[in-house]
Amino acid sequence: MFKTFILSILLCVIASASYAVSAPCASPEEIDEYLSTTFKEEKVWVGITNKTDKTQQLTFLYENPETGGWTIAFYDMERNITCVVSGGESSSHVTPKKKDSKL
């Protein structure tokens, strides 16, 4: 919770555009640098989302493997801006069940 609060306050300072959910936004490079420097988080996952028939956005998961800290951000390809939408202090990887598993 503390990380989310600090992240929200500090990213508001570098925000250069508003996002639909009022998330802190900045250039992709600024977000990468901030998360790396402040929380030692790096991008570990990316997915493509279709916003409309003609526009897409990328969803990024940043993670610090030592502390379990994580952040989720959206990259608006049309506006070239990244917005942080959530973060936390603890995480773990989930291994998918095997098809023949009874658990």
PDB file of N, CA and C in Angstrom:
ATOM      1  N   MET A   1       0.817  -1.186   0.000  1.00  0.00           N
ATOM      2  CA  MET A   1       0.000   0.000   0.000  1.00  0.00           C
ATOM      3  C   MET A   1       0.862   1.251   0.000  1.00  0.00           C
ATOM      4  N   PHE A   2       1.923   1.243   0.800  1.00  0.00           N
ATOM      5  CA  PHE A   2       2.817   2.384   0.866  1.00  0.00           C
ATOM      6  C   PHE A   2       3.450   2.639  -0.494  1.00  0.00           C
ATOM      7  N   LYS A   3       3.879   1.557  -1.177  1.00  0.00           N
ATOM      8  CA  LYS A   3       4.494   1.704  -2.488  1.00  0.00           C
ATOM      9  C   LYS A   3       3.521   2.351  -3.465  1.00  0.00           C
ATOM     10  N   THR A   4       2.276   1.906  -3.460  1.00  0.00           N
ATOM     11  CA  THR A   4       1.266   2.448  -4.363  1.00  0.00           C
ATOM     12  C   THR A   4       1.063   3.934  -4.095  1.00  0.00           C
ATOM     13  N   PHE A   5       1.012   4.320  -2.844  1.00  0.00           N
ATOM     14  CA  PHE A   5       0.845   5.714  -2.475  1.00  0.00           C
ATOM     15  C   PHE A   5       2.020   6.556  -2.966  1.00  0.00           C
ATOM     16  N   ILE A   6       3.236   6.125  -2.689  1.00  0.00           N
ATOM     17  CA  ILE A   6       4.429   6.859  -3.110  1.00  0.00           C
ATOM     18  C   ILE A   6       4.496   6.929  -4.631  1.00  0.00           C
ATOM     19  N   LEU A   7       4.231   5.827  -5.299  1.00  0.00           N
ATOM     20  CA  LEU A   7       4.247   5.782  -6.757  1.00  0.00           C
ATOM     21  C   LEU A   7       3.263   6.785  -7.331  1.00  0.00           C
ATOM     22  N   SER A   8       2.072   6.845  -6.794  1.00  0.00           N
ATOM     23  CA  SER A   8       1.057   7.773  -7.285  1.00  0.00           C
ATOM     24  C   SER A   8       1.484   9.219  -7.096  1.00  0.00           C
ATOM     25  N   ILE A   9       2.000   9.552  -5.946  1.00  0.00           N
ATOM     26  CA  ILE A   9       2.428  10.925  -5.670  1.00  0.00           C
ATOM     27  C   ILE A   9       3.582  11.332  -6.579  1.00  0.00           C
ATOM     28  N   LEU A  10       4.615  10.519  -6.661  1.00  0.00           N
ATOM     29  CA  LEU A  10       5.785  10.886  -7.437  1.00  0.00           C
ATOM     30  C   LEU A  10       5.532  10.914  -8.933  1.00  0.00           C
ATOM     31  N   LEU A  11       4.735  10.001  -9.443  1.00  0.00           N
ATOM     32  CA  LEU A  11       4.466  10.006 -10.876  1.00  0.00           C
ATOM     33  C   LEU A  11       3.562  11.155 -11.286  1.00  0.00           C
ATOM     34  N   CYS A  12       2.757  11.658 -10.371  1.00  0.00           N
ATOM     35  CA  CYS A  12       1.933  12.832 -10.690  1.00  0.00           C
ATOM     36  C   CYS A  12       2.809  14.030 -11.030  1.00  0.00           C
ATOM     37  N   VAL A  13       3.968  14.093 -10.416  1.00  0.00           N
ATOM     38  CA  VAL A  13       4.886  15.190 -10.676  1.00  0.00           C
ATOM     39  C   VAL A  13       5.391  15.159 -12.107  1.00  0.00           C
ATOM     40  N   ILE A  14       5.630  13.959 -12.658  1.00  0.00           N
ATOM     41  CA  ILE A  14       6.158  13.870 -14.019  1.00  0.00           C
ATOM     42  C   ILE A  14       5.071  13.604 -15.052  1.00  0.00           C
ATOM     43  N   ALA A  15       3.832  13.594 -14.602  1.00  0.00           N
ATOM     44  CA  ALA A  15       2.732  13.298 -15.538  1.00  0.00           C
ATOM     45  C   ALA A  15       2.618  14.374 -16.607  1.00  0.00           C
ATOM     46  N   SER A  16       2.434  13.925 -17.828  1.00  0.00           N
ATOM     47  CA  SER A  16       2.304  14.879 -18.921  1.00  0.00           C
ATOM     48  C   SER A  16       0.981  14.757 -19.654  1.00  0.00           C
ATOM     49  N   ALA A  17       0.134  13.831 -19.237  1.00  0.00           N
ATOM     50  CA  ALA A  17      -1.185  13.685 -19.853  1.00  0.00           C
ATOM     51  C   ALA A  17      -2.087  12.933 -18.898  1.00  0.00           C
ATOM     52  N   SER A  18      -3.376  13.117 -19.055  1.00  0.00           N
ATOM     53  CA  SER A  18      -4.293  12.377 -18.191  1.00  0.00           C
ATOM     54  C   SER A  18      -4.736  11.112 -18.890  1.00  0.00           C
ATOM     55  N   TYR A  19      -5.086  10.137 -18.124  1.00  0.00           N
ATOM     56  CA  TYR A  19      -5.542   8.852 -18.625  1.00  0.00           C
ATOM     57  C   TYR A  19      -6.979   8.667 -18.174  1.00  0.00           C
ATOM     58  N   ALA A  20      -7.710   7.817 -18.827  1.00  0.00           N
ATOM     59  CA  ALA A  20      -9.136   7.650 -18.531  1.00  0.00           C
ATOM     60  C   ALA A  20      -9.399   7.374 -17.055  1.00  0.00           C
ATOM     61  N   VAL A  21      -8.486   6.694 -16.386  1.00  0.00           N
ATOM     62  CA  VAL A  21      -8.677   6.385 -14.970  1.00  0.00           C
ATOM     63  C   VAL A  21      -7.836   7.300 -14.081  1.00  0.00           C
ATOM     64  N   SER A  22      -7.384   8.417 -14.613  1.00  0.00           N
ATOM     65  CA  SER A  22      -6.572   9.389 -13.885  1.00  0.00           C
ATOM     66  C   SER A  22      -5.294   8.783 -13.335  1.00  0.00           C
ATOM     67  N   ALA A  23      -4.712   7.867 -14.068  1.00  0.00           N
ATOM     68  CA  ALA A  23      -3.464   7.239 -13.646  1.00  0.00           C
ATOM     69  C   ALA A  23      -2.303   8.191 -13.910  1.00  0.00           C
ATOM     70  N   PRO A  24      -1.216   8.070 -13.138  1.00  0.00           N
ATOM     71  CA  PRO A  24      -0.020   8.846 -13.407  1.00  0.00           C
ATOM     72  C   PRO A  24       0.573   8.433 -14.754  1.00  0.00           C
ATOM     73  N   CYS A  25       0.838   9.394 -15.606  1.00  0.00           N
ATOM     74  CA  CYS A  25       1.339   9.110 -16.950  1.00  0.00           C
ATOM     75  C   CYS A  25       2.606   9.900 -17.244  1.00  0.00           C
ATOM     76  N   ALA A  26       3.443   9.347 -18.104  1.00  0.00           N
ATOM     77  CA  ALA A  26       4.668  10.013 -18.550  1.00  0.00           C
ATOM     78  C   ALA A  26       5.154   9.278 -19.794  1.00  0.00           C
ATOM     79  N   SER A  27       6.259   9.732 -20.331  1.00  0.00           N
ATOM     80  CA  SER A  27       6.815   9.038 -21.496  1.00  0.00           C
ATOM     81  C   SER A  27       7.244   7.636 -21.075  1.00  0.00           C
ATOM     82  N   PRO A  28       7.267   6.686 -22.009  1.00  0.00           N
ATOM     83  CA  PRO A  28       7.689   5.323 -21.664  1.00  0.00           C
ATOM     84  C   PRO A  28       9.073   5.295 -21.019  1.00  0.00           C
ATOM     85  N   GLU A  29       9.970   6.121 -21.515  1.00  0.00           N
ATOM     86  CA  GLU A  29      11.335   6.151 -20.967  1.00  0.00           C
ATOM     87  C   GLU A  29      11.343   6.650 -19.524  1.00  0.00           C
ATOM     88  N   GLU A  30      10.517   7.659 -19.229  1.00  0.00           N
ATOM     89  CA  GLU A  30      10.459   8.176 -17.860  1.00  0.00           C
ATOM     90  C   GLU A  30       9.894   7.141 -16.891  1.00  0.00           C
ATOM     91  N   ILE A  31       8.848   6.434 -17.313  1.00  0.00           N
ATOM     92  CA  ILE A  31       8.258   5.401 -16.456  1.00  0.00           C
ATOM     93  C   ILE A  31       9.263   4.275 -16.219  1.00  0.00           C
ATOM     94  N   ASP A  32       9.918   3.803 -17.299  1.00  0.00           N
ATOM     95  CA  ASP A  32      10.931   2.746 -17.157  1.00  0.00           C
ATOM     96  C   ASP A  32      12.027   3.164 -16.181  1.00  0.00           C
ATOM     97  N   GLU A  33      12.528   4.368 -16.356  1.00  0.00           N
ATOM     98  CA  GLU A  33      13.616   4.879 -15.507  1.00  0.00           C
ATOM     99  C   GLU A  33      13.159   5.019 -14.055  1.00  0.00           C
ATOM    100  N   TYR A  34      11.976   5.566 -13.857  1.00  0.00           N
ATOM    101  CA  TYR A  34      11.457   5.766 -12.509  1.00  0.00           C
ATOM    102  C   TYR A  34      11.287   4.437 -11.770  1.00  0.00           C
ATOM    103  N   LEU A  35      10.643   3.469 -12.420  1.00  0.00           N
ATOM    104  CA  LEU A  35      10.412   2.171 -11.770  1.00  0.00           C
ATOM    105  C   LEU A  35      11.715   1.421 -11.521  1.00  0.00           C
ATOM    106  N   SER A  36      12.657   1.553 -12.446  1.00  0.00           N
ATOM    107  CA  SER A  36      13.954   0.900 -12.284  1.00  0.00           C
ATOM    108  C   SER A  36      14.750   1.533 -11.139  1.00  0.00           C
ATOM    109  N   THR A  37      14.798   2.838 -11.123  1.00  0.00           N
ATOM    110  CA  THR A  37      15.584   3.562 -10.119  1.00  0.00           C
ATOM    111  C   THR A  37      14.959   3.481  -8.731  1.00  0.00           C
ATOM    112  N   THR A  38      13.661   3.696  -8.651  1.00  0.00           N
ATOM    113  CA  THR A  38      12.989   3.791  -7.360  1.00  0.00           C
ATOM    114  C   THR A  38      12.677   2.434  -6.740  1.00  0.00           C
ATOM    115  N   PHE A  39      12.212   1.482  -7.561  1.00  0.00           N
ATOM    116  CA  PHE A  39      11.763   0.197  -7.024  1.00  0.00           C
ATOM    117  C   PHE A  39      12.558  -0.994  -7.541  1.00  0.00           C
ATOM    118  N   LYS A  40      13.556  -0.740  -8.393  1.00  0.00           N
ATOM    119  CA  LYS A  40      14.368  -1.814  -8.987  1.00  0.00           C
ATOM    120  C   LYS A  40      13.496  -2.795  -9.767  1.00  0.00           C
ATOM    121  N   GLU A  41      12.454  -2.270 -10.419  1.00  0.00           N
ATOM    122  CA  GLU A  41      11.551  -3.100 -11.210  1.00  0.00           C
ATOM    123  C   GLU A  41      11.883  -2.978 -12.694  1.00  0.00           C
ATOM    124  N   GLU A  42      11.798  -4.090 -13.379  1.00  0.00           N
ATOM    125  CA  GLU A  42      12.047  -4.148 -14.823  1.00  0.00           C
ATOM    126  C   GLU A  42      10.853  -4.817 -15.495  1.00  0.00           C
ATOM    127  N   LYS A  43      10.654  -4.514 -16.780  1.00  0.00           N
ATOM    128  CA  LYS A  43       9.571  -5.151 -17.535  1.00  0.00           C
ATOM    129  C   LYS A  43       9.839  -6.645 -17.643  1.00  0.00           C
ATOM    130  N   VAL A  44       8.823  -7.431 -17.304  1.00  0.00           N
ATOM    131  CA  VAL A  44       8.962  -8.889 -17.400  1.00  0.00           C
ATOM    132  C   VAL A  44       7.882  -9.518 -18.270  1.00  0.00           C
ATOM    133  N   TRP A  45       6.867  -8.723 -18.646  1.00  0.00           N
ATOM    134  CA  TRP A  45       5.762  -9.264 -19.434  1.00  0.00           C
ATOM    135  C   TRP A  45       5.121  -8.130 -20.216  1.00  0.00           C
ATOM    136  N   VAL A  46       4.668  -8.436 -21.437  1.00  0.00           N
ATOM    137  CA  VAL A  46       3.941  -7.463 -22.246  1.00  0.00           C
ATOM    138  C   VAL A  46       2.817  -8.176 -22.983  1.00  0.00           C
ATOM    139  N   GLY A  47       1.677  -7.512 -23.119  1.00  0.00           N
ATOM    140  CA  GLY A  47       0.542  -8.049 -23.858  1.00  0.00           C
ATOM    141  C   GLY A  47      -0.104  -6.935 -24.676  1.00  0.00           C
ATOM    142  N   ILE A  48      -0.738  -7.292 -25.789  1.00  0.00           N
ATOM    143  CA  ILE A  48      -1.389  -6.316 -26.659  1.00  0.00           C
ATOM    144  C   ILE A  48      -2.890  -6.350 -26.410  1.00  0.00           C
ATOM    145  N   THR A  49      -3.464  -5.165 -26.261  1.00  0.00           N
ATOM    146  CA  THR A  49      -4.902  -5.017 -26.078  1.00  0.00           C
ATOM    147  C   THR A  49      -5.449  -4.166 -27.217  1.00  0.00           C
ATOM    148  N   ASN A  50      -6.547  -4.586 -27.824  1.00  0.00           N
ATOM    149  CA  ASN A  50      -7.208  -3.770 -28.836  1.00  0.00           C
ATOM    150  C   ASN A  50      -8.156  -2.804 -28.133  1.00  0.00           C
ATOM    151  N   LYS A  51      -7.848  -1.505 -28.224  1.00  0.00           N
ATOM    152  CA  LYS A  51      -8.733  -0.493 -27.639  1.00  0.00           C
ATOM    153  C   LYS A  51      -9.947  -0.274 -28.526  1.00  0.00           C
ATOM    154  N   THR A  52      -9.705  -0.203 -29.815  1.00  0.00           N
ATOM    155  CA  THR A  52     -10.766  -0.091 -30.813  1.00  0.00           C
ATOM    156  C   THR A  52     -10.366  -0.979 -31.981  1.00  0.00           C
ATOM    157  N   ASP A  53     -11.137  -0.937 -33.048  1.00  0.00           N
ATOM    158  CA  ASP A  53     -10.789  -1.736 -34.222  1.00  0.00           C
ATOM    159  C   ASP A  53      -9.462  -1.304 -34.833  1.00  0.00           C
ATOM    160  N   LYS A  54      -9.082  -0.043 -34.629  1.00  0.00           N
ATOM    161  CA  LYS A  54      -7.890   0.495 -35.285  1.00  0.00           C
ATOM    162  C   LYS A  54      -6.761   0.858 -34.336  1.00  0.00           C
ATOM    163  N   THR A  55      -6.992   0.855 -33.040  1.00  0.00           N
ATOM    164  CA  THR A  55      -5.940   1.248 -32.101  1.00  0.00           C
ATOM    165  C   THR A  55      -5.670   0.151 -31.081  1.00  0.00           C
ATOM    166  N   GLN A  56      -4.420   0.088 -30.662  1.00  0.00           N
ATOM    167  CA  GLN A  56      -3.997  -0.906 -29.677  1.00  0.00           C
ATOM    168  C   GLN A  56      -3.228  -0.226 -28.562  1.00  0.00           C
ATOM    169  N   GLN A  57      -3.142  -0.900 -27.449  1.00  0.00           N
ATOM    170  CA  GLN A  57      -2.268  -0.464 -26.366  1.00  0.00           C
ATOM    171  C   GLN A  57      -1.507  -1.682 -25.865  1.00  0.00           C
ATOM    172  N   LEU A  58      -0.375  -1.432 -25.251  1.00  0.00           N
ATOM    173  CA  LEU A  58       0.412  -2.497 -24.642  1.00  0.00           C
ATOM    174  C   LEU A  58       0.202  -2.450 -23.140  1.00  0.00           C
ATOM    175  N   THR A  59       0.122  -3.611 -22.540  1.00  0.00           N
ATOM    176  CA  THR A  59       0.057  -3.719 -21.084  1.00  0.00           C
ATOM    177  C   THR A  59       1.379  -4.310 -20.624  1.00  0.00           C
ATOM    178  N   PHE A  60       2.015  -3.642 -19.671  1.00  0.00           N
ATOM    179  CA  PHE A  60       3.309  -4.081 -19.158  1.00  0.00           C
ATOM    180  C   PHE A  60       3.190  -4.491 -17.703  1.00  0.00           C
ATOM    181  N   LEU A  61       3.929  -5.527 -17.344  1.00  0.00           N
ATOM    182  CA  LEU A  61       4.109  -5.896 -15.948  1.00  0.00           C
ATOM    183  C   LEU A  61       5.582  -5.695 -15.630  1.00  0.00           C
ATOM    184  N   TYR A  62       5.842  -4.875 -14.633  1.00  0.00           N
ATOM    185  CA  TYR A  62       7.197  -4.656 -14.128  1.00  0.00           C
ATOM    186  C   TYR A  62       7.312  -5.429 -12.828  1.00  0.00           C
ATOM    187  N   GLU A  63       8.508  -5.944 -12.553  1.00  0.00           N
ATOM    188  CA  GLU A  63       8.671  -6.733 -11.337  1.00  0.00           C
ATOM    189  C   GLU A  63      10.078  -6.590 -10.778  1.00  0.00           C
ATOM    190  N   ASN A  64      10.159  -6.619  -9.458  1.00  0.00           N
ATOM    191  CA  ASN A  64      11.426  -6.735  -8.760  1.00  0.00           C
ATOM    192  C   ASN A  64      11.463  -8.159  -8.215  1.00  0.00           C
ATOM    193  N   PRO A  65      12.283  -9.054  -8.808  1.00  0.00           N
ATOM    194  CA  PRO A  65      12.272 -10.457  -8.393  1.00  0.00           C
ATOM    195  C   PRO A  65      12.780 -10.686  -6.972  1.00  0.00           C
ATOM    196  N   GLU A  66      13.543  -9.755  -6.444  1.00  0.00           N
ATOM    197  CA  GLU A  66      14.072  -9.923  -5.089  1.00  0.00           C
ATOM    198  C   GLU A  66      13.044  -9.579  -4.020  1.00  0.00           C
ATOM    199  N   THR A  67      12.256  -8.528  -4.245  1.00  0.00           N
ATOM    200  CA  THR A  67      11.304  -8.088  -3.225  1.00  0.00           C
ATOM    201  C   THR A  67       9.871  -8.526  -3.515  1.00  0.00           C
ATOM    202  N   GLY A  68       9.598  -8.906  -4.765  1.00  0.00           N
ATOM    203  CA  GLY A  68       8.232  -9.250  -5.153  1.00  0.00           C
ATOM    204  C   GLY A  68       7.394  -8.034  -5.511  1.00  0.00           C
ATOM    205  N   GLY A  69       8.013  -6.841  -5.472  1.00  0.00           N
ATOM    206  CA  GLY A  69       7.295  -5.630  -5.851  1.00  0.00           C
ATOM    207  C   GLY A  69       6.900  -5.681  -7.322  1.00  0.00           C
ATOM    208  N   TRP A  70       5.748  -5.091  -7.662  1.00  0.00           N
ATOM    209  CA  TRP A  70       5.271  -5.150  -9.036  1.00  0.00           C
ATOM    210  C   TRP A  70       4.476  -3.895  -9.383  1.00  0.00           C
ATOM    211  N   THR A  71       4.401  -3.619 -10.676  1.00  0.00           N
ATOM    212  CA  THR A  71       3.634  -2.491 -11.209  1.00  0.00           C
ATOM    213  C   THR A  71       3.035  -2.900 -12.543  1.00  0.00           C
ATOM    214  N   ILE A  72       1.793  -2.480 -12.788  1.00  0.00           N
ATOM    215  CA  ILE A  72       1.147  -2.682 -14.086  1.00  0.00           C
ATOM    216  C   ILE A  72       0.956  -1.319 -14.730  1.00  0.00           C
ATOM    217  N   ALA A  73       1.321  -1.222 -16.010  1.00  0.00           N
ATOM    218  CA  ALA A  73       1.191   0.037 -16.745  1.00  0.00           C
ATOM    219  C   ALA A  73       0.666  -0.234 -18.148  1.00  0.00           C
ATOM    220  N   PHE A  74      -0.048   0.741 -18.693  1.00  0.00           N
ATOM    221  CA  PHE A  74      -0.531   0.684 -20.074  1.00  0.00           C
ATOM    222  C   PHE A  74       0.260   1.668 -20.918  1.00  0.00           C
ATOM    223  N   TYR A  75       0.635   1.239 -22.113  1.00  0.00           N
ATOM    224  CA  TYR A  75       1.306   2.119 -23.070  1.00  0.00           C
ATOM    225  C   TYR A  75       0.328   2.425 -24.198  1.00  0.00           C
ATOM    226  N   ASP A  76      -0.044   3.683 -24.347  1.00  0.00           N
ATOM    227  CA  ASP A  76      -0.931   4.133 -25.410  1.00  0.00           C
ATOM    228  C   ASP A  76      -0.082   4.397 -26.646  1.00  0.00           C
ATOM    229  N   MET A  77      -0.174   3.499 -27.621  1.00  0.00           N
ATOM    230  CA  MET A  77       0.674   3.580 -28.818  1.00  0.00           C
ATOM    231  C   MET A  77       0.347   4.803 -29.665  1.00  0.00           C
ATOM    232  N   GLU A  78      -0.894   5.233 -29.638  1.00  0.00           N
ATOM    233  CA  GLU A  78      -1.315   6.385 -30.425  1.00  0.00           C
ATOM    234  C   GLU A  78      -0.725   7.685 -29.872  1.00  0.00           C
ATOM    235  N   ARG A  79      -0.692   7.806 -28.550  1.00  0.00           N
ATOM    236  CA  ARG A  79      -0.201   9.035 -27.914  1.00  0.00           C
ATOM    237  C   ARG A  79       1.237   8.933 -27.417  1.00  0.00           C
ATOM    238  N   ASN A  80       1.847   7.745 -27.521  1.00  0.00           N
ATOM    239  CA  ASN A  80       3.214   7.518 -27.040  1.00  0.00           C
ATOM    240  C   ASN A  80       3.362   7.921 -25.574  1.00  0.00           C
ATOM    241  N   ILE A  81       2.470   7.373 -24.745  1.00  0.00           N
ATOM    242  CA  ILE A  81       2.499   7.688 -23.326  1.00  0.00           C
ATOM    243  C   ILE A  81       2.199   6.414 -22.529  1.00  0.00           C
ATOM    244  N   THR A  82       2.865   6.280 -21.387  1.00  0.00           N
ATOM    245  CA  THR A  82       2.649   5.135 -20.500  1.00  0.00           C
ATOM    246  C   THR A  82       1.991   5.630 -19.225  1.00  0.00           C
ATOM    247  N   CYS A  83       0.965   4.895 -18.768  1.00  0.00           N
ATOM    248  CA  CYS A  83       0.240   5.253 -17.552  1.00  0.00           C
ATOM    249  C   CYS A  83       0.272   4.084 -16.570  1.00  0.00           C
ATOM    250  N   VAL A  84       0.671   4.372 -15.349  1.00  0.00           N
ATOM    251  CA  VAL A  84       0.701   3.365 -14.289  1.00  0.00           C
ATOM    252  C   VAL A  84      -0.706   3.227 -13.733  1.00  0.00           C
ATOM    253  N   VAL A  85      -1.189   1.986 -13.624  1.00  0.00           N
ATOM    254  CA  VAL A  85      -2.549   1.774 -13.136  1.00  0.00           C
ATOM    255  C   VAL A  85      -2.614   1.011 -11.823  1.00  0.00           C
ATOM    256  N   SER A  86      -1.569   0.280 -11.469  1.00  0.00           N
ATOM    257  CA  SER A  86      -1.607  -0.469 -10.224  1.00  0.00           C
ATOM    258  C   SER A  86      -0.208  -0.916  -9.841  1.00  0.00           C
ATOM    259  N   GLY A  87      -0.021  -1.200  -8.566  1.00  0.00           N
ATOM    260  CA  GLY A  87       1.267  -1.697  -8.093  1.00  0.00           C
ATOM    261  C   GLY A  87       1.107  -2.308  -6.717  1.00  0.00           C
ATOM    262  N   GLY A  88       2.077  -3.092  -6.334  1.00  0.00           N
ATOM    263  CA  GLY A  88       2.018  -3.726  -5.032  1.00  0.00           C
ATOM    264  C   GLY A  88       3.386  -4.125  -4.530  1.00  0.00           C
ATOM    265  N   GLU A  89       3.404  -4.629  -3.310  1.00  0.00           N
ATOM    266  CA  GLU A  89       4.660  -4.941  -2.648  1.00  0.00           C
ATOM    267  C   GLU A  89       4.983  -6.417  -2.588  1.00  0.00           C
ATOM    268  N   SER A  90       4.059  -7.271  -2.974  1.00  0.00           N
ATOM    269  CA  SER A  90       4.305  -8.691  -2.831  1.00  0.00           C
ATOM    270  C   SER A  90       3.689  -9.429  -4.014  1.00  0.00           C
ATOM    271  N   SER A  91       4.416 -10.373  -4.552  1.00  0.00           N
ATOM    272  CA  SER A  91       3.899 -11.166  -5.673  1.00  0.00           C
ATOM    273  C   SER A  91       4.605 -12.508  -5.706  1.00  0.00           C
ATOM    274  N   SER A  92       4.018 -13.439  -6.425  1.00  0.00           N
ATOM    275  CA  SER A  92       4.666 -14.713  -6.671  1.00  0.00           C
ATOM    276  C   SER A  92       4.165 -15.252  -7.999  1.00  0.00           C
ATOM    277  N   HIS A  93       4.982 -16.037  -8.646  1.00  0.00           N
ATOM    278  CA  HIS A  93       4.618 -16.621  -9.932  1.00  0.00           C
ATOM    279  C   HIS A  93       3.767 -17.869  -9.709  1.00  0.00           C
ATOM    280  N   VAL A  94       2.788 -18.035 -10.557  1.00  0.00           N
ATOM    281  CA  VAL A  94       1.894 -19.181 -10.485  1.00  0.00           C
ATOM    282  C   VAL A  94       2.232 -20.103 -11.642  1.00  0.00           C
ATOM    283  N   THR A  95       2.454 -21.362 -11.330  1.00  0.00           N
ATOM    284  CA  THR A  95       2.752 -22.342 -12.365  1.00  0.00           C
ATOM    285  C   THR A  95       1.441 -22.978 -12.811  1.00  0.00           C
ATOM    286  N   PRO A  96       1.163 -22.968 -14.107  1.00  0.00           N
ATOM    287  CA  PRO A  96      -0.090 -23.573 -14.591  1.00  0.00           C
ATOM    288  C   PRO A  96      -0.150 -25.067 -14.256  1.00  0.00           C
ATOM    289  N   LYS A  97      -1.375 -25.536 -13.964  1.00  0.00           N
ATOM    290  CA  LYS A  97      -1.566 -26.954 -13.688  1.00  0.00           C
ATOM    291  C   LYS A  97      -1.350 -27.752 -14.976  1.00  0.00           C
ATOM    292  N   LYS A  98      -0.825 -28.944 -14.817  1.00  0.00           N
ATOM    293  CA  LYS A  98      -0.702 -29.847 -15.950  1.00  0.00           C
ATOM    294  C   LYS A  98      -2.084 -30.414 -16.247  1.00  0.00           C
ATOM    295  N   LYS A  99      -2.343 -30.728 -17.498  1.00  0.00           N
ATOM    296  CA  LYS A  99      -3.662 -31.221 -17.902  1.00  0.00           C
ATOM    297  C   LYS A  99      -4.061 -32.499 -17.180  1.00  0.00           C
ATOM    298  N   ASP A 100      -3.104 -33.343 -16.858  1.00  0.00           N
ATOM    299  CA  ASP A 100      -3.433 -34.599 -16.198  1.00  0.00           C
ATOM    300  C   ASP A 100      -3.401 -34.499 -14.671  1.00  0.00           C
ATOM    301  N   SER A 101      -3.201 -33.296 -14.141  1.00  0.00           N
ATOM    302  CA  SER A 101      -3.163 -33.101 -12.693  1.00  0.00           C
ATOM    303  C   SER A 101      -4.547 -33.190 -12.075  1.00  0.00           C
ATOM    304  N   LYS A 102      -4.631 -33.793 -10.907  1.00  0.00           N
ATOM    305  CA  LYS A 102      -5.913 -33.902 -10.212  1.00  0.00           C
ATOM    306  C   LYS A 102      -6.102 -32.777  -9.211  1.00  0.00           C
ATOM    307  N   LEU A 103      -5.141 -31.883  -9.088  1.00  0.00           N
ATOM    308  CA  LEU A 103      -5.251 -30.749  -8.150  1.00  0.00           C
ATOM    309  C   LEU A 103      -5.770 -29.527  -8.825  1.00  0.00           C
TER     310      LEU A 103
END
